[in-house]
Amino acid sequence: MSLSAIRARANAAATAAGRDPASITLIAVSKEQPEARVLPVLEAGHRIFGENRVQEAAGKWPGWITRFGPVELHLLGPLQTNKARAAMELFTTIHSLDRPKLAQTLARLAQDMGQCPQLFVQVNTGAEPQKAGILPENSDSFIAEARALDLPLAGVMCIPPASEPPGPHFTHLAEIGARNGLPCLSMGMSDDFETAITYGATHIRVGSAIFGART
């Protein structure tokens, strides 16, 4: 698969759902991908990328940004509080706001730094014990708590259980977003991004379908 093929599929899914293809942000997930696979996507003009780890991103993106110019970097993986400052310096958007302690840390750093990335609240829609995210029943109160800290919330994010159809999880996330006035929905990956678009995804996170399987 290629970047252009994924764009075409995303545009077709949006059109079929009666949505404007321009309303969907395609995040090319470059985590653990070698430079030889990422550079062609940069050379093709794509400038929106996703990473899972602060340290990995810090080791490669500054050089690529020097070479290719500014990019929009999205942190998709769990964020440890001791890496929060580095994440806020590097990423334009963080999709994994998932606990009160992290919210408090980000709010304090935002005061110190005078800026804060856009934030998505990660919701563990499948209540999976091994997965990060606020439980759905706690999402409203957590969103209110984050707003009280003046954090710039953009939307909500989920990673449905691999063993279940994603549709009900996308529906649930969309309901949480709508109920809390958060219009952005970060949902859908390589295997289900077209389904996510039909359920209202505004941000899709596609890695292996663009770059190939990670080694």
N, C-alpha and C. Protein backbone atom coordinates (compact mmCIF):
# COMPACT_ATOMS: atom_id res chain seq x y z
N MET A 1 0.86 -1.19 0.00
CA MET A 1 0.00 0.00 0.00
C MET A 1 0.90 1.24 0.00
N SER A 2 0.35 2.39 -0.33
CA SER A 2 1.12 3.61 -0.40
C SER A 2 0.31 4.76 0.19
N LEU A 3 0.99 5.87 0.40
CA LEU A 3 0.32 7.06 0.93
C LEU A 3 -0.83 7.48 0.02
N SER A 4 -0.59 7.52 -1.27
CA SER A 4 -1.64 7.97 -2.19
C SER A 4 -2.83 7.02 -2.18
N ALA A 5 -2.57 5.71 -2.07
CA ALA A 5 -3.66 4.74 -2.03
C ALA A 5 -4.49 4.90 -0.75
N ILE A 6 -3.83 5.14 0.37
CA ILE A 6 -4.55 5.33 1.64
C ILE A 6 -5.38 6.61 1.58
N ARG A 7 -4.80 7.67 1.02
CA ARG A 7 -5.56 8.92 0.87
C ARG A 7 -6.81 8.69 0.02
N ALA A 8 -6.63 7.95 -1.07
CA ALA A 8 -7.77 7.69 -1.96
C ALA A 8 -8.85 6.90 -1.24
N ARG A 9 -8.45 5.89 -0.45
CA ARG A 9 -9.43 5.09 0.29
C ARG A 9 -10.14 5.93 1.35
N ALA A 10 -9.39 6.78 2.04
CA ALA A 10 -9.98 7.64 3.06
C ALA A 10 -10.96 8.63 2.42
N ASN A 11 -10.58 9.20 1.29
CA ASN A 11 -11.46 10.15 0.59
C ASN A 11 -12.74 9.46 0.13
N ALA A 12 -12.59 8.24 -0.38
CA ALA A 12 -13.77 7.49 -0.85
C ALA A 12 -14.70 7.16 0.31
N ALA A 13 -14.12 6.76 1.46
CA ALA A 13 -14.94 6.45 2.63
C ALA A 13 -15.68 7.68 3.12
N ALA A 14 -15.00 8.84 3.10
CA ALA A 14 -15.64 10.07 3.53
C ALA A 14 -16.78 10.45 2.59
N THR A 15 -16.52 10.37 1.30
CA THR A 15 -17.55 10.72 0.32
C THR A 15 -18.76 9.80 0.46
N ALA A 16 -18.52 8.50 0.66
CA ALA A 16 -19.62 7.54 0.81
C ALA A 16 -20.44 7.84 2.06
N ALA A 17 -19.79 8.39 3.07
CA ALA A 17 -20.48 8.72 4.33
C ALA A 17 -21.10 10.11 4.30
N GLY A 18 -20.99 10.80 3.14
CA GLY A 18 -21.55 12.14 3.03
C GLY A 18 -20.74 13.17 3.77
N ARG A 19 -19.44 12.91 3.91
CA ARG A 19 -18.57 13.83 4.64
C ARG A 19 -17.56 14.47 3.69
N ASP A 20 -17.04 15.61 4.09
CA ASP A 20 -16.01 16.29 3.32
C ASP A 20 -14.67 15.59 3.59
N PRO A 21 -14.01 15.04 2.56
CA PRO A 21 -12.71 14.39 2.79
C PRO A 21 -11.70 15.30 3.49
N ALA A 22 -11.83 16.61 3.28
CA ALA A 22 -10.89 17.55 3.90
C ALA A 22 -11.06 17.64 5.41
N SER A 23 -12.16 17.08 5.94
CA SER A 23 -12.40 17.14 7.38
C SER A 23 -11.66 16.03 8.13
N ILE A 24 -10.93 15.18 7.40
CA ILE A 24 -10.25 14.04 8.02
C ILE A 24 -8.74 14.24 7.95
N THR A 25 -8.10 14.16 9.10
CA THR A 25 -6.65 14.30 9.20
C THR A 25 -6.01 12.91 9.18
N LEU A 26 -5.15 12.67 8.20
CA LEU A 26 -4.44 11.40 8.09
C LEU A 26 -3.10 11.52 8.80
N ILE A 27 -2.97 10.79 9.91
CA ILE A 27 -1.71 10.76 10.66
C ILE A 27 -0.93 9.53 10.20
N ALA A 28 0.23 9.76 9.59
CA ALA A 28 1.09 8.66 9.16
C ALA A 28 1.93 8.22 10.36
N VAL A 29 1.66 7.02 10.85
CA VAL A 29 2.29 6.56 12.10
C VAL A 29 3.66 5.97 11.78
N SER A 30 4.69 6.75 12.09
CA SER A 30 6.06 6.41 11.69
C SER A 30 6.85 5.73 12.81
N LYS A 31 6.19 5.37 13.90
CA LYS A 31 6.91 4.74 15.02
C LYS A 31 7.61 3.46 14.54
N GLU A 32 8.86 3.32 14.97
CA GLU A 32 9.66 2.11 14.71
C GLU A 32 9.88 1.86 13.22
N GLN A 33 9.63 2.85 12.39
CA GLN A 33 9.86 2.69 10.95
C GLN A 33 11.24 3.24 10.60
N PRO A 34 11.97 2.54 9.73
CA PRO A 34 13.30 3.01 9.35
C PRO A 34 13.22 4.25 8.46
N GLU A 35 14.29 5.00 8.46
CA GLU A 35 14.36 6.24 7.68
C GLU A 35 14.04 6.00 6.21
N ALA A 36 14.47 4.87 5.67
CA ALA A 36 14.25 4.60 4.25
C ALA A 36 12.77 4.52 3.89
N ARG A 37 11.92 4.24 4.87
CA ARG A 37 10.47 4.20 4.61
C ARG A 37 9.80 5.55 4.88
N VAL A 38 10.35 6.30 5.82
CA VAL A 38 9.72 7.57 6.20
C VAL A 38 10.07 8.67 5.19
N LEU A 39 11.30 8.71 4.72
CA LEU A 39 11.72 9.79 3.83
C LEU A 39 10.86 9.90 2.56
N PRO A 40 10.47 8.78 1.90
CA PRO A 40 9.62 8.93 0.72
C PRO A 40 8.28 9.59 1.02
N VAL A 41 7.75 9.37 2.24
CA VAL A 41 6.48 9.98 2.61
C VAL A 41 6.68 11.48 2.84
N LEU A 42 7.79 11.85 3.44
CA LEU A 42 8.13 13.27 3.57
C LEU A 42 8.34 13.90 2.20
N GLU A 43 9.05 13.19 1.35
CA GLU A 43 9.34 13.72 0.01
C GLU A 43 8.06 13.87 -0.81
N ALA A 44 7.05 13.06 -0.51
CA ALA A 44 5.76 13.17 -1.21
C ALA A 44 4.94 14.36 -0.71
N GLY A 45 5.44 15.04 0.32
CA GLY A 45 4.78 16.25 0.79
C GLY A 45 3.93 16.07 2.03
N HIS A 46 3.84 14.84 2.57
CA HIS A 46 3.03 14.64 3.77
C HIS A 46 3.76 15.24 4.98
N ARG A 47 3.00 15.89 5.85
CA ARG A 47 3.62 16.59 6.97
C ARG A 47 2.94 16.31 8.31
N ILE A 48 2.14 15.25 8.40
CA ILE A 48 1.45 14.93 9.66
C ILE A 48 1.82 13.50 10.04
N PHE A 49 2.53 13.35 11.16
CA PHE A 49 3.07 12.06 11.55
C PHE A 49 2.75 11.74 13.01
N GLY A 50 2.73 10.46 13.32
CA GLY A 50 2.46 10.00 14.67
C GLY A 50 3.58 9.14 15.21
N GLU A 51 3.89 9.33 16.48
CA GLU A 51 4.91 8.54 17.16
C GLU A 51 4.36 8.05 18.49
N ASN A 52 4.91 6.94 18.97
CA ASN A 52 4.44 6.38 20.24
C ASN A 52 5.31 6.72 21.43
N ARG A 53 6.59 7.02 21.16
CA ARG A 53 7.52 7.25 22.27
C ARG A 53 8.24 8.59 22.10
N VAL A 54 8.31 9.33 23.18
CA VAL A 54 8.95 10.64 23.16
C VAL A 54 10.42 10.50 22.77
N GLN A 55 11.11 9.55 23.39
CA GLN A 55 12.56 9.41 23.16
C GLN A 55 12.87 9.05 21.71
N GLU A 56 12.09 8.13 21.15
CA GLU A 56 12.32 7.75 19.75
C GLU A 56 12.09 8.94 18.83
N ALA A 57 11.02 9.67 19.06
CA ALA A 57 10.72 10.83 18.21
C ALA A 57 11.80 11.90 18.33
N ALA A 58 12.28 12.12 19.56
CA ALA A 58 13.30 13.15 19.77
C ALA A 58 14.61 12.78 19.09
N GLY A 59 14.82 11.49 18.89
CA GLY A 59 16.06 11.05 18.27
C GLY A 59 16.10 11.19 16.76
N LYS A 60 14.93 11.33 16.13
CA LYS A 60 14.93 11.36 14.66
C LYS A 60 14.27 12.59 14.05
N TRP A 61 13.25 13.14 14.70
CA TRP A 61 12.49 14.21 14.03
C TRP A 61 13.20 15.54 13.93
N PRO A 62 13.99 15.98 14.91
CA PRO A 62 14.67 17.27 14.73
C PRO A 62 15.50 17.33 13.45
N GLY A 63 16.20 16.26 13.13
CA GLY A 63 17.00 16.23 11.91
C GLY A 63 16.15 16.29 10.66
N TRP A 64 15.05 15.55 10.67
CA TRP A 64 14.16 15.55 9.50
C TRP A 64 13.47 16.90 9.34
N ILE A 65 13.13 17.54 10.47
CA ILE A 65 12.50 18.85 10.40
C ILE A 65 13.47 19.89 9.83
N THR A 66 14.74 19.78 10.21
CA THR A 66 15.76 20.68 9.65
C THR A 66 15.82 20.52 8.14
N ARG A 67 15.69 19.28 7.68
CA ARG A 67 15.80 19.00 6.25
C ARG A 67 14.54 19.33 5.47
N PHE A 68 13.37 19.02 6.04
CA PHE A 68 12.13 19.12 5.27
C PHE A 68 11.23 20.28 5.70
N GLY A 69 11.52 20.92 6.82
CA GLY A 69 10.67 21.99 7.31
C GLY A 69 9.69 21.48 8.35
N PRO A 70 8.84 22.37 8.85
CA PRO A 70 7.95 22.02 9.97
C PRO A 70 7.02 20.86 9.64
N VAL A 71 6.76 20.04 10.65
CA VAL A 71 5.77 18.97 10.54
C VAL A 71 4.84 19.06 11.75
N GLU A 72 3.68 18.42 11.62
CA GLU A 72 2.73 18.30 12.71
C GLU A 72 2.96 16.92 13.32
N LEU A 73 3.47 16.89 14.56
CA LEU A 73 3.79 15.62 15.20
C LEU A 73 2.75 15.31 16.27
N HIS A 74 2.23 14.07 16.22
CA HIS A 74 1.20 13.63 17.16
C HIS A 74 1.77 12.51 18.04
N LEU A 75 1.70 12.67 19.35
CA LEU A 75 2.09 11.61 20.27
C LEU A 75 0.88 10.71 20.52
N LEU A 76 1.02 9.44 20.15
CA LEU A 76 -0.09 8.50 20.23
C LEU A 76 0.03 7.54 21.40
N GLY A 77 1.23 7.32 21.89
CA GLY A 77 1.45 6.33 22.94
C GLY A 77 1.36 6.94 24.33
N PRO A 78 1.39 6.08 25.35
CA PRO A 78 1.31 6.54 26.74
C PRO A 78 2.42 7.54 27.06
N LEU A 79 2.09 8.54 27.86
CA LEU A 79 3.06 9.57 28.22
C LEU A 79 3.34 9.51 29.71
N GLN A 80 4.63 9.28 30.06
CA GLN A 80 5.05 9.31 31.45
C GLN A 80 5.22 10.77 31.87
N THR A 81 4.87 11.07 33.10
CA THR A 81 4.93 12.47 33.54
C THR A 81 6.36 13.01 33.47
N ASN A 82 7.38 12.16 33.67
CA ASN A 82 8.75 12.68 33.63
C ASN A 82 9.22 13.00 32.21
N LYS A 83 8.43 12.64 31.22
CA LYS A 83 8.76 12.99 29.83
C LYS A 83 7.79 14.04 29.27
N ALA A 84 6.96 14.59 30.15
CA ALA A 84 5.92 15.51 29.69
C ALA A 84 6.51 16.78 29.08
N ARG A 85 7.53 17.36 29.71
CA ARG A 85 8.10 18.61 29.17
C ARG A 85 8.68 18.37 27.78
N ALA A 86 9.44 17.29 27.62
CA ALA A 86 10.02 16.98 26.31
C ALA A 86 8.92 16.77 25.27
N ALA A 87 7.83 16.12 25.68
CA ALA A 87 6.72 15.88 24.75
C ALA A 87 6.08 17.20 24.34
N MET A 88 5.93 18.11 25.30
CA MET A 88 5.28 19.39 24.99
C MET A 88 6.14 20.26 24.08
N GLU A 89 7.46 20.07 24.15
CA GLU A 89 8.36 20.83 23.28
C GLU A 89 8.35 20.30 21.85
N LEU A 90 8.11 19.00 21.69
CA LEU A 90 8.26 18.36 20.38
C LEU A 90 6.95 18.17 19.63
N PHE A 91 5.88 17.85 20.35
CA PHE A 91 4.63 17.44 19.69
C PHE A 91 3.62 18.60 19.62
N THR A 92 2.89 18.63 18.51
CA THR A 92 1.81 19.62 18.36
C THR A 92 0.51 19.12 18.99
N THR A 93 0.37 17.78 19.07
CA THR A 93 -0.85 17.19 19.61
C THR A 93 -0.49 15.94 20.41
N ILE A 94 -1.14 15.75 21.54
CA ILE A 94 -0.97 14.56 22.38
C ILE A 94 -2.32 13.86 22.47
N HIS A 95 -2.36 12.59 22.06
CA HIS A 95 -3.62 11.84 21.99
C HIS A 95 -3.85 10.96 23.23
N SER A 96 -2.96 11.03 24.21
CA SER A 96 -2.99 10.03 25.29
C SER A 96 -3.08 10.66 26.67
N LEU A 97 -3.90 11.70 26.80
CA LEU A 97 -4.20 12.24 28.13
C LEU A 97 -5.15 11.26 28.82
N ASP A 98 -4.67 10.59 29.86
CA ASP A 98 -5.41 9.43 30.36
C ASP A 98 -5.52 9.32 31.88
N ARG A 99 -5.06 10.37 32.62
CA ARG A 99 -5.14 10.26 34.08
C ARG A 99 -4.96 11.64 34.71
N PRO A 100 -5.51 11.81 35.91
CA PRO A 100 -5.45 13.12 36.56
C PRO A 100 -4.04 13.63 36.79
N LYS A 101 -3.12 12.75 37.20
CA LYS A 101 -1.75 13.21 37.48
C LYS A 101 -1.10 13.82 36.23
N LEU A 102 -1.34 13.19 35.08
CA LEU A 102 -0.78 13.72 33.83
C LEU A 102 -1.42 15.06 33.50
N ALA A 103 -2.73 15.17 33.68
CA ALA A 103 -3.42 16.44 33.42
C ALA A 103 -2.83 17.56 34.28
N GLN A 104 -2.59 17.27 35.55
CA GLN A 104 -2.04 18.27 36.45
C GLN A 104 -0.62 18.67 36.05
N THR A 105 0.18 17.68 35.62
CA THR A 105 1.55 17.95 35.18
C THR A 105 1.55 18.82 33.93
N LEU A 106 0.70 18.48 32.96
CA LEU A 106 0.63 19.26 31.73
C LEU A 106 0.17 20.69 32.01
N ALA A 107 -0.78 20.84 32.92
CA ALA A 107 -1.28 22.18 33.24
C ALA A 107 -0.18 23.03 33.89
N ARG A 108 0.59 22.41 34.78
CA ARG A 108 1.69 23.15 35.43
C ARG A 108 2.75 23.55 34.41
N LEU A 109 3.11 22.61 33.53
CA LEU A 109 4.12 22.90 32.51
C LEU A 109 3.61 23.95 31.52
N ALA A 110 2.33 23.90 31.20
CA ALA A 110 1.77 24.88 30.27
C ALA A 110 1.92 26.29 30.84
N GLN A 111 1.74 26.43 32.15
CA GLN A 111 1.94 27.73 32.80
C GLN A 111 3.40 28.16 32.69
N ASP A 112 4.32 27.22 32.94
CA ASP A 112 5.75 27.53 32.87
C ASP A 112 6.19 27.90 31.47
N MET A 113 5.68 27.15 30.47
CA MET A 113 6.17 27.25 29.10
C MET A 113 5.38 28.26 28.26
N GLY A 114 4.20 28.61 28.72
CA GLY A 114 3.39 29.56 27.97
C GLY A 114 2.73 28.97 26.74
N GLN A 115 2.72 27.66 26.65
CA GLN A 115 2.07 26.99 25.50
C GLN A 115 1.80 25.53 25.87
N CYS A 116 0.86 24.94 25.11
CA CYS A 116 0.51 23.54 25.36
C CYS A 116 0.02 22.92 24.06
N PRO A 117 0.42 21.69 23.77
CA PRO A 117 -0.12 21.03 22.58
C PRO A 117 -1.64 20.83 22.71
N GLN A 118 -2.29 20.62 21.57
CA GLN A 118 -3.68 20.17 21.59
C GLN A 118 -3.72 18.81 22.29
N LEU A 119 -4.81 18.54 22.99
CA LEU A 119 -4.91 17.30 23.76
C LEU A 119 -6.17 16.51 23.41
N PHE A 120 -5.99 15.21 23.31
CA PHE A 120 -7.11 14.27 23.21
C PHE A 120 -7.15 13.44 24.48
N VAL A 121 -8.33 13.24 25.01
CA VAL A 121 -8.50 12.34 26.16
C VAL A 121 -8.63 10.92 25.63
N GLN A 122 -7.76 10.04 26.10
CA GLN A 122 -7.82 8.64 25.68
C GLN A 122 -8.83 7.89 26.55
N VAL A 123 -9.80 7.25 25.88
CA VAL A 123 -10.86 6.52 26.57
C VAL A 123 -10.67 5.03 26.30
N ASN A 124 -10.63 4.26 27.35
CA ASN A 124 -10.47 2.80 27.25
C ASN A 124 -11.87 2.19 27.06
N THR A 125 -12.39 2.27 25.83
CA THR A 125 -13.78 1.89 25.58
C THR A 125 -14.04 0.41 25.85
N GLY A 126 -12.99 -0.41 25.75
CA GLY A 126 -13.16 -1.84 26.01
C GLY A 126 -12.86 -2.24 27.44
N ALA A 127 -12.55 -1.25 28.29
CA ALA A 127 -12.20 -1.51 29.70
C ALA A 127 -11.16 -2.63 29.80
N GLU A 128 -10.15 -2.57 28.93
CA GLU A 128 -9.11 -3.60 28.93
C GLU A 128 -8.05 -3.25 29.98
N PRO A 129 -7.76 -4.18 30.90
CA PRO A 129 -6.85 -3.85 31.99
C PRO A 129 -5.42 -3.53 31.53
N GLN A 130 -5.01 -4.08 30.38
CA GLN A 130 -3.64 -3.86 29.91
C GLN A 130 -3.50 -2.56 29.12
N LYS A 131 -4.62 -1.86 28.90
CA LYS A 131 -4.60 -0.67 28.05
C LYS A 131 -4.76 0.59 28.87
N ALA A 132 -4.08 1.66 28.42
CA ALA A 132 -4.24 2.97 29.05
C ALA A 132 -5.60 3.55 28.67
N GLY A 133 -5.96 4.60 29.36
CA GLY A 133 -7.20 5.30 29.02
C GLY A 133 -8.15 5.40 30.21
N ILE A 134 -8.93 6.47 30.19
CA ILE A 134 -9.98 6.68 31.19
C ILE A 134 -11.13 5.72 30.88
N LEU A 135 -11.70 5.11 31.90
CA LEU A 135 -12.87 4.26 31.67
C LEU A 135 -14.04 5.13 31.21
N PRO A 136 -14.88 4.61 30.32
CA PRO A 136 -15.98 5.42 29.78
C PRO A 136 -16.84 6.08 30.85
N GLU A 137 -17.11 5.34 31.93
CA GLU A 137 -17.99 5.90 32.96
C GLU A 137 -17.34 7.05 33.73
N ASN A 138 -16.01 7.17 33.62
CA ASN A 138 -15.31 8.26 34.30
C ASN A 138 -14.93 9.39 33.35
N SER A 139 -15.28 9.25 32.08
CA SER A 139 -14.78 10.20 31.07
C SER A 139 -15.34 11.61 31.27
N ASP A 140 -16.63 11.72 31.55
CA ASP A 140 -17.22 13.05 31.69
C ASP A 140 -16.56 13.84 32.83
N SER A 141 -16.39 13.18 33.97
CA SER A 141 -15.81 13.89 35.12
C SER A 141 -14.35 14.23 34.86
N PHE A 142 -13.63 13.35 34.17
CA PHE A 142 -12.22 13.63 33.88
C PHE A 142 -12.09 14.80 32.89
N ILE A 143 -12.96 14.82 31.89
CA ILE A 143 -12.94 15.92 30.92
C ILE A 143 -13.21 17.25 31.64
N ALA A 144 -14.17 17.23 32.55
CA ALA A 144 -14.47 18.45 33.32
C ALA A 144 -13.27 18.88 34.16
N GLU A 145 -12.58 17.90 34.74
CA GLU A 145 -11.40 18.19 35.56
C GLU A 145 -10.29 18.81 34.70
N ALA A 146 -10.08 18.24 33.49
CA ALA A 146 -9.05 18.77 32.60
C ALA A 146 -9.40 20.18 32.13
N ARG A 147 -10.67 20.41 31.88
CA ARG A 147 -11.11 21.77 31.47
C ARG A 147 -10.89 22.77 32.61
N ALA A 148 -11.12 22.33 33.82
CA ALA A 148 -10.93 23.22 34.97
C ALA A 148 -9.47 23.63 35.12
N LEU A 149 -8.56 22.83 34.56
CA LEU A 149 -7.13 23.14 34.58
C LEU A 149 -6.73 24.00 33.38
N ASP A 150 -7.72 24.43 32.57
CA ASP A 150 -7.47 25.24 31.37
C ASP A 150 -6.65 24.51 30.32
N LEU A 151 -6.76 23.20 30.27
CA LEU A 151 -6.04 22.45 29.24
C LEU A 151 -6.80 22.55 27.91
N PRO A 152 -6.06 22.66 26.79
CA PRO A 152 -6.70 22.80 25.48
C PRO A 152 -7.17 21.46 24.91
N LEU A 153 -8.35 21.03 25.33
CA LEU A 153 -8.87 19.75 24.86
C LEU A 153 -9.45 19.90 23.45
N ALA A 154 -9.03 18.99 22.56
CA ALA A 154 -9.52 19.00 21.18
C ALA A 154 -10.54 17.90 20.94
N GLY A 155 -10.35 16.76 21.61
CA GLY A 155 -11.23 15.64 21.32
C GLY A 155 -10.94 14.44 22.19
N VAL A 156 -11.42 13.29 21.73
CA VAL A 156 -11.26 12.03 22.45
C VAL A 156 -10.68 10.98 21.51
N MET A 157 -10.01 10.01 22.08
CA MET A 157 -9.31 8.98 21.31
C MET A 157 -9.60 7.61 21.90
N CYS A 158 -9.65 6.57 21.04
CA CYS A 158 -9.76 5.20 21.55
C CYS A 158 -9.00 4.24 20.65
N ILE A 159 -8.68 3.09 21.23
CA ILE A 159 -8.10 1.95 20.51
C ILE A 159 -9.00 0.75 20.86
N PRO A 160 -9.94 0.38 19.99
CA PRO A 160 -10.85 -0.71 20.33
C PRO A 160 -10.12 -2.04 20.55
N PRO A 161 -10.71 -2.95 21.32
CA PRO A 161 -10.12 -4.28 21.47
C PRO A 161 -9.96 -4.97 20.11
N ALA A 162 -8.81 -5.59 19.92
CA ALA A 162 -8.53 -6.23 18.63
C ALA A 162 -9.51 -7.37 18.33
N SER A 163 -10.09 -7.95 19.38
CA SER A 163 -10.94 -9.13 19.20
C SER A 163 -12.41 -8.79 18.99
N GLU A 164 -12.74 -7.49 18.96
CA GLU A 164 -14.16 -7.10 18.85
C GLU A 164 -14.37 -6.21 17.62
N PRO A 165 -15.59 -6.22 17.07
CA PRO A 165 -15.89 -5.28 15.98
C PRO A 165 -15.71 -3.85 16.50
N PRO A 166 -15.06 -3.00 15.71
CA PRO A 166 -14.76 -1.65 16.22
C PRO A 166 -15.96 -0.72 16.25
N GLY A 167 -16.98 -0.98 15.44
CA GLY A 167 -18.09 -0.04 15.31
C GLY A 167 -18.71 0.42 16.61
N PRO A 168 -19.10 -0.50 17.52
CA PRO A 168 -19.70 -0.06 18.78
C PRO A 168 -18.75 0.82 19.61
N HIS A 169 -17.46 0.56 19.53
CA HIS A 169 -16.49 1.38 20.27
C HIS A 169 -16.40 2.77 19.66
N PHE A 170 -16.43 2.85 18.34
CA PHE A 170 -16.40 4.16 17.68
C PHE A 170 -17.68 4.93 18.01
N THR A 171 -18.81 4.24 18.05
CA THR A 171 -20.07 4.90 18.42
C THR A 171 -19.99 5.46 19.83
N HIS A 172 -19.49 4.65 20.74
CA HIS A 172 -19.39 5.05 22.15
C HIS A 172 -18.49 6.28 22.29
N LEU A 173 -17.33 6.26 21.59
CA LEU A 173 -16.42 7.39 21.67
C LEU A 173 -17.08 8.66 21.11
N ALA A 174 -17.77 8.51 19.98
CA ALA A 174 -18.44 9.67 19.38
C ALA A 174 -19.49 10.25 20.32
N GLU A 175 -20.18 9.39 21.06
CA GLU A 175 -21.19 9.86 22.02
C GLU A 175 -20.53 10.64 23.15
N ILE A 176 -19.38 10.14 23.64
CA ILE A 176 -18.66 10.85 24.70
C ILE A 176 -18.20 12.21 24.20
N GLY A 177 -17.65 12.24 22.99
CA GLY A 177 -17.20 13.51 22.43
C GLY A 177 -18.34 14.50 22.27
N ALA A 178 -19.46 14.04 21.71
CA ALA A 178 -20.60 14.93 21.47
C ALA A 178 -21.17 15.47 22.78
N ARG A 179 -21.26 14.58 23.77
CA ARG A 179 -21.84 14.96 25.06
C ARG A 179 -21.00 16.03 25.75
N ASN A 180 -19.70 16.03 25.47
CA ASN A 180 -18.79 16.95 26.15
C ASN A 180 -18.31 18.09 25.24
N GLY A 181 -18.94 18.23 24.08
CA GLY A 181 -18.58 19.32 23.20
C GLY A 181 -17.17 19.23 22.64
N LEU A 182 -16.69 18.01 22.44
CA LEU A 182 -15.35 17.78 21.87
C LEU A 182 -15.52 17.21 20.46
N PRO A 183 -15.29 18.02 19.43
CA PRO A 183 -15.64 17.62 18.07
C PRO A 183 -14.66 16.66 17.41
N CYS A 184 -13.43 16.58 17.91
CA CYS A 184 -12.42 15.75 17.22
C CYS A 184 -12.43 14.33 17.77
N LEU A 185 -12.42 13.36 16.85
CA LEU A 185 -12.44 11.94 17.21
C LEU A 185 -11.23 11.26 16.59
N SER A 186 -10.29 10.85 17.44
CA SER A 186 -9.09 10.14 16.99
C SER A 186 -9.37 8.65 17.10
N MET A 187 -9.70 8.04 15.95
CA MET A 187 -10.05 6.61 15.96
C MET A 187 -9.89 6.06 14.55
N GLY A 188 -9.50 4.79 14.51
CA GLY A 188 -9.28 4.14 13.22
C GLY A 188 -7.80 4.01 12.93
N MET A 189 -7.37 2.76 12.63
CA MET A 189 -5.99 2.48 12.28
C MET A 189 -5.96 1.74 10.94
N SER A 190 -4.84 1.12 10.63
CA SER A 190 -4.67 0.53 9.30
C SER A 190 -5.79 -0.42 8.91
N ASP A 191 -6.28 -1.21 9.87
CA ASP A 191 -7.27 -2.24 9.54
C ASP A 191 -8.71 -1.73 9.54
N ASP A 192 -8.96 -0.57 10.14
CA ASP A 192 -10.36 -0.18 10.31
C ASP A 192 -10.61 1.32 10.09
N PHE A 193 -9.68 2.01 9.41
CA PHE A 193 -9.85 3.46 9.29
C PHE A 193 -11.06 3.85 8.45
N GLU A 194 -11.41 3.02 7.47
CA GLU A 194 -12.59 3.34 6.66
C GLU A 194 -13.87 3.23 7.49
N THR A 195 -13.93 2.20 8.34
CA THR A 195 -15.07 2.07 9.26
C THR A 195 -15.12 3.27 10.20
N ALA A 196 -13.97 3.67 10.72
CA ALA A 196 -13.92 4.80 11.65
C ALA A 196 -14.45 6.07 10.98
N ILE A 197 -14.13 6.26 9.72
CA ILE A 197 -14.59 7.45 9.00
C ILE A 197 -16.12 7.46 8.92
N THR A 198 -16.71 6.29 8.69
CA THR A 198 -18.18 6.24 8.62
C THR A 198 -18.81 6.58 9.96
N TYR A 199 -18.07 6.37 11.06
CA TYR A 199 -18.59 6.68 12.39
C TYR A 199 -18.18 8.07 12.86
N GLY A 200 -17.52 8.84 12.00
CA GLY A 200 -17.24 10.24 12.33
C GLY A 200 -15.81 10.58 12.68
N ALA A 201 -14.86 9.67 12.47
CA ALA A 201 -13.47 9.98 12.81
C ALA A 201 -13.01 11.25 12.12
N THR A 202 -12.31 12.09 12.86
CA THR A 202 -11.68 13.28 12.28
C THR A 202 -10.17 13.08 12.13
N HIS A 203 -9.60 12.17 12.91
CA HIS A 203 -8.17 11.86 12.87
C HIS A 203 -8.01 10.34 12.77
N ILE A 204 -7.40 9.87 11.69
CA ILE A 204 -7.13 8.44 11.56
C ILE A 204 -5.63 8.21 11.65
N ARG A 205 -5.24 7.10 12.28
CA ARG A 205 -3.84 6.83 12.61
C ARG A 205 -3.39 5.59 11.82
N VAL A 206 -2.71 5.82 10.71
CA VAL A 206 -2.39 4.73 9.79
C VAL A 206 -0.88 4.56 9.67
N GLY A 207 -0.41 3.36 10.05
CA GLY A 207 1.03 3.10 10.01
C GLY A 207 1.41 2.07 8.97
N SER A 208 1.18 0.80 9.30
CA SER A 208 1.67 -0.29 8.44
C SER A 208 1.08 -0.26 7.03
N ALA A 209 -0.14 0.25 6.88
CA ALA A 209 -0.75 0.31 5.54
C ALA A 209 -0.04 1.34 4.66
N ILE A 210 0.68 2.27 5.27
CA ILE A 210 1.47 3.25 4.50
C ILE A 210 2.92 2.79 4.38
N PHE A 211 3.52 2.40 5.50
CA PHE A 211 4.96 2.15 5.55
C PHE A 211 5.35 0.69 5.39
N GLY A 212 4.38 -0.21 5.54
CA GLY A 212 4.71 -1.63 5.60
C GLY A 212 4.81 -2.08 7.05
N ALA A 213 4.78 -3.40 7.24
CA ALA A 213 4.82 -3.94 8.60
C ALA A 213 6.13 -3.56 9.30
N ARG A 214 6.02 -3.22 10.59
CA ARG A 214 7.22 -2.90 11.35
C ARG A 214 8.03 -4.17 11.58
N THR A 215 9.34 -4.01 11.50
CA THR A 215 10.20 -5.18 11.68
C THR A 215 10.54 -5.36 13.15
